[in-house]
Amino acid sequence: SLAETLIFSTDKNIGKDLHEVLSEREFQVLCLLASGHSLTQIAEKFSLSVKTISTYRSRILEKMNLKSNVELTHYAIKHKLVINN
């Protein structure tokens, strides 16, 4: 926990938007969740388990200091990350 805090609070992340610290897959999951896709739909899209996608979701919320899909969606809309399809 302390190590993660130190990693995410380093100077390299100053001035970056929160979504810029996510891995590529976490970013993809963020965009799909914010666009209204379910965990099951995302899991099928990437040929992964629902549990794996749920883990990605948990990491996203933790890294971005968000508490729910509503906050995640609000952030994504504000930063124009929502996928229209």
C-alpha atoms as a PDB file:
ATOM      1  CA  SER A   1       0.000   0.000   0.000  1.00  0.00           C
ATOM      2  CA  LEU A   2       2.769   2.447   0.914  1.00  0.00           C
ATOM      3  CA  ALA A   3       4.763   1.428  -2.159  1.00  0.00           C
ATOM      4  CA  GLU A   4       1.773   2.122  -4.424  1.00  0.00           C
ATOM      5  CA  THR A   5       1.264   5.519  -2.809  1.00  0.00           C
ATOM      6  CA  LEU A   6       4.900   6.393  -3.423  1.00  0.00           C
ATOM      7  CA  ILE A   7       4.752   5.190  -7.021  1.00  0.00           C
ATOM      8  CA  PHE A   8       1.639   7.199  -7.829  1.00  0.00           C
ATOM      9  CA  SER A   9       2.807  10.343  -6.056  1.00  0.00           C
ATOM     10  CA  THR A  10       6.158  10.696  -7.811  1.00  0.00           C
ATOM     11  CA  ASP A  11       7.098  13.806  -9.754  1.00  0.00           C
ATOM     12  CA  LYS A  12       6.613  11.992 -13.067  1.00  0.00           C
ATOM     13  CA  ASN A  13       2.848  11.963 -12.451  1.00  0.00           C
ATOM     14  CA  ILE A  14       2.541  15.634 -11.516  1.00  0.00           C
ATOM     15  CA  GLY A  15       0.459  17.478 -14.069  1.00  0.00           C
ATOM     16  CA  LYS A  16      -0.899  14.285 -15.622  1.00  0.00           C
ATOM     17  CA  ASP A  17      -4.582  13.458 -15.794  1.00  0.00           C
ATOM     18  CA  LEU A  18      -5.543  10.549 -13.543  1.00  0.00           C
ATOM     19  CA  HIS A  19      -6.240   8.212 -16.462  1.00  0.00           C
ATOM     20  CA  GLU A  20      -2.679   8.646 -17.729  1.00  0.00           C
ATOM     21  CA  VAL A  21      -1.313   6.470 -14.892  1.00  0.00           C
ATOM     22  CA  LEU A  22      -3.428   3.489 -15.989  1.00  0.00           C
ATOM     23  CA  SER A  23      -2.082   0.580 -17.979  1.00  0.00           C
ATOM     24  CA  GLU A  24      -3.321   0.270 -21.552  1.00  0.00           C
ATOM     25  CA  ARG A  25      -5.780  -2.496 -20.597  1.00  0.00           C
ATOM     26  CA  GLU A  26      -7.035  -0.550 -17.565  1.00  0.00           C
ATOM     27  CA  PHE A  27      -7.627   2.442 -19.823  1.00  0.00           C
ATOM     28  CA  GLN A  28      -9.589   0.282 -22.273  1.00  0.00           C
ATOM     29  CA  VAL A  29     -11.727  -1.087 -19.442  1.00  0.00           C
ATOM     30  CA  LEU A  30     -12.283   2.445 -18.093  1.00  0.00           C
ATOM     31  CA  CYS A  31     -13.563   3.638 -21.473  1.00  0.00           C
ATOM     32  CA  LEU A  32     -15.834   0.642 -21.943  1.00  0.00           C
ATOM     33  CA  LEU A  33     -17.289   0.854 -18.429  1.00  0.00           C
ATOM     34  CA  ALA A  34     -17.931   4.557 -18.864  1.00  0.00           C
ATOM     35  CA  SER A  35     -19.644   3.800 -22.170  1.00  0.00           C
ATOM     36  CA  GLY A  36     -22.138   1.525 -20.417  1.00  0.00           C
ATOM     37  CA  HIS A  37     -20.659  -1.903 -21.108  1.00  0.00           C
ATOM     38  CA  SER A  38     -21.113  -4.540 -18.414  1.00  0.00           C
ATOM     39  CA  LEU A  39     -18.272  -6.531 -16.885  1.00  0.00           C
ATOM     40  CA  THR A  40     -19.550  -9.567 -18.794  1.00  0.00           C
ATOM     41  CA  GLN A  41     -19.542  -7.722 -22.127  1.00  0.00           C
ATOM     42  CA  ILE A  42     -16.016  -6.432 -21.541  1.00  0.00           C
ATOM     43  CA  ALA A  43     -14.822  -9.908 -20.496  1.00  0.00           C
ATOM     44  CA  GLU A  44     -16.241 -11.386 -23.703  1.00  0.00           C
ATOM     45  CA  LYS A  45     -14.660  -8.630 -25.820  1.00  0.00           C
ATOM     46  CA  PHE A  46     -11.180  -9.380 -24.454  1.00  0.00           C
ATOM     47  CA  SER A  47     -11.695 -13.143 -23.961  1.00  0.00           C
ATOM     48  CA  LEU A  48     -11.045 -12.782 -20.238  1.00  0.00           C
ATOM     49  CA  SER A  49     -12.998 -13.808 -17.161  1.00  0.00           C
ATOM     50  CA  VAL A  50     -15.476 -11.490 -15.475  1.00  0.00           C
ATOM     51  CA  LYS A  51     -13.308 -11.764 -12.334  1.00  0.00           C
ATOM     52  CA  THR A  52     -10.287 -10.437 -14.249  1.00  0.00           C
ATOM     53  CA  ILE A  53     -12.278  -7.463 -15.552  1.00  0.00           C
ATOM     54  CA  SER A  54     -13.590  -6.862 -12.038  1.00  0.00           C
ATOM     55  CA  THR A  55      -9.987  -6.770 -10.825  1.00  0.00           C
ATOM     56  CA  TYR A  56      -9.139  -4.216 -13.519  1.00  0.00           C
ATOM     57  CA  ARG A  57     -12.130  -2.139 -12.406  1.00  0.00           C
ATOM     58  CA  SER A  58     -10.962  -2.253  -8.771  1.00  0.00           C
ATOM     59  CA  ARG A  59      -7.443  -1.170  -9.744  1.00  0.00           C
ATOM     60  CA  ILE A  60      -8.814   1.683 -11.871  1.00  0.00           C
ATOM     61  CA  LEU A  61     -10.962   2.968  -9.019  1.00  0.00           C
ATOM     62  CA  GLU A  62      -8.047   2.709  -6.590  1.00  0.00           C
ATOM     63  CA  LYS A  63      -5.491   4.394  -8.856  1.00  0.00           C
ATOM     64  CA  MET A  64      -7.896   7.198  -9.732  1.00  0.00           C
ATOM     65  CA  ASN A  65      -9.250   7.558  -6.183  1.00  0.00           C
ATOM     66  CA  LEU A  66     -12.834   6.975  -7.328  1.00  0.00           C
ATOM     67  CA  LYS A  67     -15.544   5.144  -5.434  1.00  0.00           C
ATOM     68  CA  SER A  68     -18.057   3.971  -8.040  1.00  0.00           C
ATOM     69  CA  ASN A  69     -18.879   3.488 -11.703  1.00  0.00           C
ATOM     70  CA  VAL A  70     -20.841   6.743 -11.539  1.00  0.00           C
ATOM     71  CA  GLU A  71     -17.711   8.691 -10.548  1.00  0.00           C
ATOM     72  CA  LEU A  72     -15.718   6.793 -13.171  1.00  0.00           C
ATOM     73  CA  THR A  73     -18.292   7.645 -15.857  1.00  0.00           C
ATOM     74  CA  HIS A  74     -18.419  11.298 -14.808  1.00  0.00           C
ATOM     75  CA  TYR A  75     -14.624  11.505 -15.052  1.00  0.00           C
ATOM     76  CA  ALA A  76     -14.617   9.831 -18.482  1.00  0.00           C
ATOM     77  CA  ILE A  77     -17.282  12.156 -19.872  1.00  0.00           C
ATOM     78  CA  LYS A  78     -15.485  15.204 -18.492  1.00  0.00           C
ATOM     79  CA  HIS A  79     -12.252  14.075 -20.177  1.00  0.00           C
ATOM     80  CA  LYS A  80     -13.980  12.961 -23.418  1.00  0.00           C
ATOM     81  CA  LEU A  81     -13.044   9.292 -23.015  1.00  0.00           C
ATOM     82  CA  VAL A  82     -16.498   7.810 -23.687  1.00  0.00           C
ATOM     83  CA  ILE A  83     -16.711   5.476 -26.656  1.00  0.00           C
ATOM     84  CA  ASN A  84     -19.780   5.916 -28.878  1.00  0.00           C
ATOM     85  CA  ASN A  85     -20.892   2.598 -30.345  1.00  0.00           C
END
